[in-house]
Amino acid sequence: MAESVQFALDALPTLLIGAITTLQLTAAAVFLGLIGGTLLGIARLSSFKPLQIASRIYIDFFRGTPLLVQIFMIYFGIPAVTGFSFNRFLAAIMALSLNAAAYLAEIVRGGIQSIETGQREASESLGLSPLQTMRYIIFPQAFRRMIPPLGNEFITLLKDTSLVAVIGYEEILRRGQLIVATNYRAFEIYFMVALVYLVLNILSAQAFIWLEKQMDPARKSKRQETAIGGEAIQ
C-alpha cells in the first residue's frame, strides 16, 4: 500500500505539468468557442433565413456527432484531402473550439431570448440602434444569466480534453498513459489522473460560482448601499 502511494506521488509532478497544458487548452477553446458561439447564437436569432439555416446546420452537425470523430476528421481527414497537416496543438484547439461553439451558441441564444422584449422597445424609443441595444442593454444582462451554463460547458470541455490523447497531445491523460507504458502501474496512475481532473473541476466550479456572485445585481446594489452608508457615518 505504501509503495503504491509513493509511486502515485512520484508521478504527480508529471501529471501536474499535463494539468497546466489541459487548462491552457480548455481556456483557449472556451475563448474561441465563445466568440464563435456568440456569432452563431446571434445568427440563429437573425431574421435572414439563409444565415439562420446555416447556423442551425453547423450547430446540429457539431452537437450531433461525437467529439472524437471530429478530432479524427481534423487531424487525419483534412490532411488526407488537402495535403495540409496540423500540429497536435492546433488540431486539438480547432476540434474543441468548433465543438464548444455549437453548444455555446445555444447558451447565448437562450440568454438573449430570456431578456424581456420591453427592454428592446425602450432602447429603440431612446434612439439606440439594434447593435447598440445588443451591446449595451441586452448582452450584459444576458451574460449574467449565461454564467451557470457557461460554467457547466467549461467543466465539460475540461474533461473532454482527455480525448485529444488519441492524437498524442500530452495533456493529463496522455502523460498518464506514457507513465503506465513504462511502469505498468495502471491503477495508481489512472487514479491520480482522475484525482487531478476532479480537483480542476471543483476549482473551476468554485470560480464560476464566485463570478456569478460578483455579477449579481442585488449584491452590487447592497455593496453600494453599504459604501454610501459608511460615507454618511463618517
C-alpha atoms as a PDB file:
ATOM      1  CA  MET A   1       0.000   0.000   0.000  1.00  0.00           C
ATOM      2  CA  ALA A   2       2.741   2.433   0.990  1.00  0.00           C
ATOM      3  CA  GLU A   3       4.613   1.573  -2.204  1.00  0.00           C
ATOM      4  CA  SER A   4       1.539   2.341  -4.336  1.00  0.00           C
ATOM      5  CA  VAL A   5       1.001   5.686  -2.619  1.00  0.00           C
ATOM      6  CA  GLN A   6       4.650   6.640  -3.067  1.00  0.00           C
ATOM      7  CA  PHE A   7       4.568   5.637  -6.724  1.00  0.00           C
ATOM      8  CA  ALA A   8       1.451   7.756  -7.313  1.00  0.00           C
ATOM      9  CA  LEU A   9       3.034  10.754  -5.566  1.00  0.00           C
ATOM     10  CA  ASP A  10       6.183  10.378  -7.676  1.00  0.00           C
ATOM     11  CA  ALA A  11       4.046  10.591 -10.815  1.00  0.00           C
ATOM     12  CA  LEU A  12       2.173  13.676  -9.593  1.00  0.00           C
ATOM     13  CA  PRO A  13       4.645  16.358 -10.845  1.00  0.00           C
ATOM     14  CA  THR A  14       4.446  14.980 -14.384  1.00  0.00           C
ATOM     15  CA  LEU A  15       0.656  14.907 -14.204  1.00  0.00           C
ATOM     16  CA  LEU A  16       0.565  18.490 -12.903  1.00  0.00           C
ATOM     17  CA  ILE A  17       2.544  19.626 -15.962  1.00  0.00           C
ATOM     18  CA  GLY A  18      -0.155  17.924 -18.023  1.00  0.00           C
ATOM     19  CA  ALA A  19      -2.799  19.751 -15.915  1.00  0.00           C
ATOM     20  CA  ILE A  20      -1.310  23.109 -16.909  1.00  0.00           C
ATOM     21  CA  THR A  21      -1.457  22.047 -20.549  1.00  0.00           C
ATOM     22  CA  THR A  22      -5.068  20.919 -20.091  1.00  0.00           C
ATOM     23  CA  LEU A  23      -6.073  24.265 -18.563  1.00  0.00           C
ATOM     24  CA  GLN A  24      -4.376  26.180 -21.374  1.00  0.00           C
ATOM     25  CA  LEU A  25      -6.145  24.033 -23.953  1.00  0.00           C
ATOM     26  CA  THR A  26      -9.512  24.455 -22.215  1.00  0.00           C
ATOM     27  CA  ALA A  27      -9.159  28.223 -21.775  1.00  0.00           C
ATOM     28  CA  ALA A  28      -8.184  28.727 -25.429  1.00  0.00           C
ATOM     29  CA  ALA A  29     -11.024  26.513 -26.665  1.00  0.00           C
ATOM     30  CA  VAL A  30     -13.614  28.252 -24.463  1.00  0.00           C
ATOM     31  CA  PHE A  31     -12.395  31.713 -25.525  1.00  0.00           C
ATOM     32  CA  LEU A  32     -12.521  30.900 -29.243  1.00  0.00           C
ATOM     33  CA  GLY A  33     -15.696  28.869 -28.804  1.00  0.00           C
ATOM     34  CA  LEU A  34     -17.411  31.755 -27.031  1.00  0.00           C
ATOM     35  CA  ILE A  35     -16.580  34.117 -29.878  1.00  0.00           C
ATOM     36  CA  GLY A  36     -17.888  31.624 -32.442  1.00  0.00           C
ATOM     37  CA  GLY A  37     -20.835  30.674 -30.248  1.00  0.00           C
ATOM     38  CA  THR A  38     -21.873  34.308 -29.792  1.00  0.00           C
ATOM     39  CA  LEU A  39     -21.859  34.878 -33.545  1.00  0.00           C
ATOM     40  CA  LEU A  40     -23.759  31.629 -34.146  1.00  0.00           C
ATOM     41  CA  GLY A  41     -26.272  32.413 -31.394  1.00  0.00           C
ATOM     42  CA  ILE A  42     -26.989  35.824 -32.899  1.00  0.00           C
ATOM     43  CA  ALA A  43     -27.206  34.245 -36.363  1.00  0.00           C
ATOM     44  CA  ARG A  44     -29.808  31.785 -35.014  1.00  0.00           C
ATOM     45  CA  LEU A  45     -31.929  34.772 -33.976  1.00  0.00           C
ATOM     46  CA  SER A  46     -31.448  36.567 -37.284  1.00  0.00           C
ATOM     47  CA  SER A  47     -34.444  37.291 -39.496  1.00  0.00           C
ATOM     48  CA  PHE A  48     -32.249  36.487 -42.521  1.00  0.00           C
ATOM     49  CA  LYS A  49     -33.312  32.913 -43.277  1.00  0.00           C
ATOM     50  CA  PRO A  50     -30.160  31.621 -45.083  1.00  0.00           C
ATOM     51  CA  LEU A  51     -27.987  32.757 -42.159  1.00  0.00           C
ATOM     52  CA  GLN A  52     -30.376  31.180 -39.680  1.00  0.00           C
ATOM     53  CA  ILE A  53     -30.398  27.881 -41.594  1.00  0.00           C
ATOM     54  CA  ALA A  54     -26.591  27.816 -41.999  1.00  0.00           C
ATOM     55  CA  SER A  55     -26.061  28.356 -38.276  1.00  0.00           C
ATOM     56  CA  ARG A  56     -28.615  25.654 -37.466  1.00  0.00           C
ATOM     57  CA  ILE A  57     -26.842  23.150 -39.754  1.00  0.00           C
ATOM     58  CA  TYR A  58     -23.495  23.923 -38.072  1.00  0.00           C
ATOM     59  CA  ILE A  59     -24.945  23.527 -34.574  1.00  0.00           C
ATOM     60  CA  ASP A  60     -26.767  20.297 -35.409  1.00  0.00           C
ATOM     61  CA  PHE A  61     -23.658  18.791 -37.013  1.00  0.00           C
ATOM     62  CA  PHE A  62     -21.239  19.513 -34.163  1.00  0.00           C
ATOM     63  CA  ARG A  63     -23.751  18.650 -31.446  1.00  0.00           C
ATOM     64  CA  GLY A  64     -24.917  15.542 -33.254  1.00  0.00           C
ATOM     65  CA  THR A  65     -21.550  13.915 -33.940  1.00  0.00           C
ATOM     66  CA  PRO A  66     -19.014  12.601 -31.404  1.00  0.00           C
ATOM     67  CA  LEU A  67     -16.147  14.932 -30.496  1.00  0.00           C
ATOM     68  CA  LEU A  68     -13.717  12.056 -31.019  1.00  0.00           C
ATOM     69  CA  VAL A  69     -14.848  11.725 -34.650  1.00  0.00           C
ATOM     70  CA  GLN A  70     -14.410  15.486 -35.110  1.00  0.00           C
ATOM     71  CA  ILE A  71     -10.849  15.269 -33.780  1.00  0.00           C
ATOM     72  CA  PHE A  72     -10.064  12.470 -36.248  1.00  0.00           C
ATOM     73  CA  MET A  73     -11.651  14.421 -39.113  1.00  0.00           C
ATOM     74  CA  ILE A  74      -9.497  17.473 -38.412  1.00  0.00           C
ATOM     75  CA  TYR A  75      -6.207  15.737 -37.566  1.00  0.00           C
ATOM     76  CA  PHE A  76      -6.353  12.857 -40.062  1.00  0.00           C
ATOM     77  CA  GLY A  77      -9.164  13.667 -42.500  1.00  0.00           C
ATOM     78  CA  ILE A  78      -8.352  17.227 -43.599  1.00  0.00           C
ATOM     79  CA  PRO A  79      -4.652  16.443 -44.343  1.00  0.00           C
ATOM     80  CA  ALA A  80      -5.738  13.395 -46.375  1.00  0.00           C
ATOM     81  CA  VAL A  81      -7.975  15.593 -48.554  1.00  0.00           C
ATOM     82  CA  THR A  82      -5.997  18.850 -48.744  1.00  0.00           C
ATOM     83  CA  GLY A  83      -2.428  17.726 -48.076  1.00  0.00           C
ATOM     84  CA  PHE A  84      -2.177  20.378 -45.353  1.00  0.00           C
ATOM     85  CA  SER A  85      -1.340  18.882 -41.966  1.00  0.00           C
ATOM     86  CA  PHE A  86      -1.924  20.341 -38.494  1.00  0.00           C
ATOM     87  CA  ASN A  87       0.296  20.015 -35.475  1.00  0.00           C
ATOM     88  CA  ARG A  88      -1.351  18.333 -32.483  1.00  0.00           C
ATOM     89  CA  PHE A  89      -1.983  21.531 -30.525  1.00  0.00           C
ATOM     90  CA  LEU A  90      -3.663  23.323 -33.429  1.00  0.00           C
ATOM     91  CA  ALA A  91      -5.784  20.285 -34.282  1.00  0.00           C
ATOM     92  CA  ALA A  92      -6.861  19.933 -30.636  1.00  0.00           C
ATOM     93  CA  ILE A  93      -7.747  23.633 -30.357  1.00  0.00           C
ATOM     94  CA  MET A  94      -9.706  23.570 -33.624  1.00  0.00           C
ATOM     95  CA  ALA A  95     -11.720  20.483 -32.715  1.00  0.00           C
ATOM     96  CA  LEU A  96     -12.536  21.625 -29.183  1.00  0.00           C
ATOM     97  CA  SER A  97     -13.335  25.204 -30.235  1.00  0.00           C
ATOM     98  CA  LEU A  98     -15.598  24.201 -33.120  1.00  0.00           C
ATOM     99  CA  ASN A  99     -17.420  21.734 -30.885  1.00  0.00           C
ATOM    100  CA  ALA A 100     -17.739  24.194 -27.997  1.00  0.00           C
ATOM    101  CA  ALA A 101     -19.062  26.922 -30.312  1.00  0.00           C
ATOM    102  CA  ALA A 102     -22.066  24.752 -31.189  1.00  0.00           C
ATOM    103  CA  TYR A 103     -23.028  24.280 -27.533  1.00  0.00           C
ATOM    104  CA  LEU A 104     -22.219  27.855 -26.535  1.00  0.00           C
ATOM    105  CA  ALA A 105     -24.370  29.154 -29.406  1.00  0.00           C
ATOM    106  CA  GLU A 106     -27.454  27.653 -27.805  1.00  0.00           C
ATOM    107  CA  ILE A 107     -26.458  29.068 -24.413  1.00  0.00           C
ATOM    108  CA  VAL A 108     -26.043  32.528 -25.951  1.00  0.00           C
ATOM    109  CA  ARG A 109     -29.318  32.248 -27.845  1.00  0.00           C
ATOM    110  CA  GLY A 110     -31.184  31.218 -24.700  1.00  0.00           C
ATOM    111  CA  GLY A 111     -29.590  34.019 -22.685  1.00  0.00           C
ATOM    112  CA  ILE A 112     -30.539  36.677 -25.234  1.00  0.00           C
ATOM    113  CA  GLN A 113     -34.093  35.373 -25.562  1.00  0.00           C
ATOM    114  CA  SER A 114     -34.510  35.448 -21.778  1.00  0.00           C
ATOM    115  CA  ILE A 115     -34.326  39.261 -21.767  1.00  0.00           C
ATOM    116  CA  GLU A 116     -37.746  40.907 -21.860  1.00  0.00           C
ATOM    117  CA  THR A 117     -38.771  42.366 -25.222  1.00  0.00           C
ATOM    118  CA  GLY A 118     -39.832  45.555 -23.458  1.00  0.00           C
ATOM    119  CA  GLN A 119     -36.173  46.451 -22.977  1.00  0.00           C
ATOM    120  CA  ARG A 120     -35.586  46.346 -26.727  1.00  0.00           C
ATOM    121  CA  GLU A 121     -38.596  48.562 -27.288  1.00  0.00           C
ATOM    122  CA  ALA A 122     -37.387  51.023 -24.644  1.00  0.00           C
ATOM    123  CA  SER A 123     -33.954  51.121 -26.287  1.00  0.00           C
ATOM    124  CA  GLU A 124     -35.493  51.838 -29.669  1.00  0.00           C
ATOM    125  CA  SER A 125     -37.546  54.696 -28.168  1.00  0.00           C
ATOM    126  CA  LEU A 126     -34.287  56.191 -26.846  1.00  0.00           C
ATOM    127  CA  GLY A 127     -32.836  56.148 -30.355  1.00  0.00           C
ATOM    128  CA  LEU A 128     -30.383  53.268 -29.907  1.00  0.00           C
ATOM    129  CA  SER A 129     -29.571  51.179 -32.966  1.00  0.00           C
ATOM    130  CA  PRO A 130     -30.102  47.379 -32.860  1.00  0.00           C
ATOM    131  CA  LEU A 131     -26.316  46.926 -32.500  1.00  0.00           C
ATOM    132  CA  GLN A 132     -26.120  49.421 -29.616  1.00  0.00           C
ATOM    133  CA  THR A 133     -29.119  47.800 -27.960  1.00  0.00           C
ATOM    134  CA  MET A 134     -27.458  44.381 -28.146  1.00  0.00           C
ATOM    135  CA  ARG A 135     -24.081  45.690 -26.962  1.00  0.00           C
ATOM    136  CA  TYR A 136     -25.141  47.941 -24.098  1.00  0.00           C
ATOM    137  CA  ILE A 137     -28.540  46.658 -22.963  1.00  0.00           C
ATOM    138  CA  ILE A 138     -29.267  43.059 -23.927  1.00  0.00           C
ATOM    139  CA  PHE A 139     -25.943  41.216 -23.915  1.00  0.00           C
ATOM    140  CA  PRO A 140     -24.623  42.448 -20.499  1.00  0.00           C
ATOM    141  CA  GLN A 141     -27.832  41.226 -18.827  1.00  0.00           C
ATOM    142  CA  ALA A 142     -27.895  38.023 -20.839  1.00  0.00           C
ATOM    143  CA  PHE A 143     -24.268  37.277 -19.952  1.00  0.00           C
ATOM    144  CA  ARG A 144     -25.069  37.261 -16.232  1.00  0.00           C
ATOM    145  CA  ARG A 145     -27.760  34.674 -16.857  1.00  0.00           C
ATOM    146  CA  MET A 146     -25.412  32.625 -19.026  1.00  0.00           C
ATOM    147  CA  ILE A 147     -22.718  32.207 -16.342  1.00  0.00           C
ATOM    148  CA  PRO A 148     -24.098  28.951 -14.779  1.00  0.00           C
ATOM    149  CA  PRO A 149     -24.422  27.098 -18.142  1.00  0.00           C
ATOM    150  CA  LEU A 150     -21.075  28.568 -19.248  1.00  0.00           C
ATOM    151  CA  GLY A 151     -19.532  27.064 -16.124  1.00  0.00           C
ATOM    152  CA  ASN A 152     -21.053  23.684 -16.966  1.00  0.00           C
ATOM    153  CA  GLU A 153     -19.703  23.893 -20.519  1.00  0.00           C
ATOM    154  CA  PHE A 154     -16.222  24.839 -19.244  1.00  0.00           C
ATOM    155  CA  ILE A 155     -16.151  21.802 -16.941  1.00  0.00           C
ATOM    156  CA  THR A 156     -17.454  19.517 -19.705  1.00  0.00           C
ATOM    157  CA  LEU A 157     -14.816  20.829 -22.101  1.00  0.00           C
ATOM    158  CA  LEU A 158     -12.090  20.421 -19.481  1.00  0.00           C
ATOM    159  CA  LYS A 159     -12.960  16.721 -19.224  1.00  0.00           C
ATOM    160  CA  ASP A 160     -13.309  16.384 -22.998  1.00  0.00           C
ATOM    161  CA  THR A 161      -9.686  17.493 -23.457  1.00  0.00           C
ATOM    162  CA  SER A 162      -8.783  13.934 -22.459  1.00  0.00           C
ATOM    163  CA  LEU A 163      -9.946  12.854 -25.933  1.00  0.00           C
ATOM    164  CA  VAL A 164      -7.043  14.630 -27.637  1.00  0.00           C
ATOM    165  CA  ALA A 165      -4.773  11.988 -26.094  1.00  0.00           C
ATOM    166  CA  VAL A 166      -5.737   9.817 -29.084  1.00  0.00           C
ATOM    167  CA  ILE A 167      -3.670  12.074 -31.387  1.00  0.00           C
ATOM    168  CA  GLY A 168      -0.735  12.064 -28.968  1.00  0.00           C
ATOM    169  CA  TYR A 169      -1.243  15.501 -27.433  1.00  0.00           C
ATOM    170  CA  GLU A 170       0.344  15.363 -23.982  1.00  0.00           C
ATOM    171  CA  GLU A 171      -2.326  16.604 -21.595  1.00  0.00           C
ATOM    172  CA  ILE A 172      -3.080  14.861 -18.283  1.00  0.00           C
ATOM    173  CA  LEU A 173      -4.377  11.558 -19.651  1.00  0.00           C
ATOM    174  CA  ARG A 174      -1.670  11.189 -22.283  1.00  0.00           C
ATOM    175  CA  ARG A 175       1.060  11.803 -19.718  1.00  0.00           C
ATOM    176  CA  GLY A 176      -0.558   9.181 -17.506  1.00  0.00           C
ATOM    177  CA  GLN A 177      -0.605   6.724 -20.397  1.00  0.00           C
ATOM    178  CA  LEU A 178       3.102   7.297 -21.037  1.00  0.00           C
ATOM    179  CA  ILE A 179       3.912   6.601 -17.385  1.00  0.00           C
ATOM    180  CA  VAL A 180       1.816   3.416 -17.415  1.00  0.00           C
ATOM    181  CA  ALA A 181       3.571   2.263 -20.608  1.00  0.00           C
ATOM    182  CA  THR A 182       6.926   2.300 -18.807  1.00  0.00           C
ATOM    183  CA  ASN A 183       5.920   1.139 -15.310  1.00  0.00           C
ATOM    184  CA  TYR A 184       2.714  -0.912 -15.782  1.00  0.00           C
ATOM    185  CA  ARG A 185       1.136   0.567 -12.627  1.00  0.00           C
ATOM    186  CA  ALA A 186      -2.195   1.377 -14.251  1.00  0.00           C
ATOM    187  CA  PHE A 187      -4.407   1.644 -11.164  1.00  0.00           C
ATOM    188  CA  GLU A 188      -2.218   4.098  -9.246  1.00  0.00           C
ATOM    189  CA  ILE A 189      -1.574   6.331 -12.253  1.00  0.00           C
ATOM    190  CA  TYR A 190      -5.129   6.460 -13.568  1.00  0.00           C
ATOM    191  CA  PHE A 191      -6.404   7.070 -10.039  1.00  0.00           C
ATOM    192  CA  MET A 192      -4.093  10.094  -9.817  1.00  0.00           C
ATOM    193  CA  VAL A 193      -5.232  11.241 -13.275  1.00  0.00           C
ATOM    194  CA  ALA A 194      -8.857  11.067 -12.100  1.00  0.00           C
ATOM    195  CA  LEU A 195      -7.950  12.920  -8.894  1.00  0.00           C
ATOM    196  CA  VAL A 196      -6.251  15.752 -10.801  1.00  0.00           C
ATOM    197  CA  TYR A 197      -9.303  16.114 -13.070  1.00  0.00           C
ATOM    198  CA  LEU A 198     -11.561  16.140 -10.008  1.00  0.00           C
ATOM    199  CA  VAL A 199      -9.573  18.920  -8.336  1.00  0.00           C
ATOM    200  CA  LEU A 200      -9.529  21.000 -11.528  1.00  0.00           C
ATOM    201  CA  ASN A 201     -13.288  20.599 -11.939  1.00  0.00           C
ATOM    202  CA  ILE A 202     -14.013  21.568  -8.328  1.00  0.00           C
ATOM    203  CA  LEU A 203     -11.794  24.655  -8.576  1.00  0.00           C
ATOM    204  CA  SER A 204     -13.414  25.627 -11.894  1.00  0.00           C
ATOM    205  CA  ALA A 205     -16.907  25.247 -10.420  1.00  0.00           C
ATOM    206  CA  GLN A 206     -15.965  27.431  -7.441  1.00  0.00           C
ATOM    207  CA  ALA A 207     -14.500  30.078  -9.759  1.00  0.00           C
ATOM    208  CA  PHE A 208     -17.758  30.316 -11.715  1.00  0.00           C
ATOM    209  CA  ILE A 209     -19.805  30.438  -8.505  1.00  0.00           C
ATOM    210  CA  TRP A 210     -17.637  33.352  -7.343  1.00  0.00           C
ATOM    211  CA  LEU A 211     -18.043  35.089 -10.717  1.00  0.00           C
ATOM    212  CA  GLU A 212     -21.813  34.625 -10.578  1.00  0.00           C
ATOM    213  CA  LYS A 213     -21.949  36.208  -7.129  1.00  0.00           C
ATOM    214  CA  GLN A 214     -19.751  39.113  -8.211  1.00  0.00           C
ATOM    215  CA  MET A 215     -22.042  39.885 -11.146  1.00  0.00           C
ATOM    216  CA  ASP A 216     -25.257  39.581  -9.130  1.00  0.00           C
ATOM    217  CA  PRO A 217     -27.049  42.988  -9.380  1.00  0.00           C
ATOM    218  CA  ALA A 218     -28.540  42.607  -5.897  1.00  0.00           C
ATOM    219  CA  ARG A 219     -25.086  42.018  -4.431  1.00  0.00           C
ATOM    220  CA  LYS A 220     -23.681  45.060  -6.243  1.00  0.00           C
ATOM    221  CA  SER A 221     -26.555  47.216  -5.016  1.00  0.00           C
ATOM    222  CA  LYS A 222     -26.013  46.034  -1.456  1.00  0.00           C
ATOM    223  CA  ARG A 223     -22.288  46.846  -1.639  1.00  0.00           C
ATOM    224  CA  GLN A 224     -23.061  50.317  -2.952  1.00  0.00           C
ATOM    225  CA  GLU A 225     -25.595  50.938  -0.185  1.00  0.00           C
ATOM    226  CA  THR A 226     -23.061  49.770   2.405  1.00  0.00           C
ATOM    227  CA  ALA A 227     -20.417  52.088   0.950  1.00  0.00           C
ATOM    228  CA  ILE A 228     -22.802  55.043   0.921  1.00  0.00           C
ATOM    229  CA  GLY A 229     -23.887  54.292   4.465  1.00  0.00           C
ATOM    230  CA  GLY A 230     -20.243  54.171   5.601  1.00  0.00           C
ATOM    231  CA  GLU A 231     -19.526  57.509   3.996  1.00  0.00           C
ATOM    232  CA  ALA A 232     -22.616  59.041   5.628  1.00  0.00           C
ATOM    233  CA  ILE A 233     -21.481  57.861   9.067  1.00  0.00           C
ATOM    234  CA  GLN A 234     -18.073  59.404   8.542  1.00  0.00           C
END
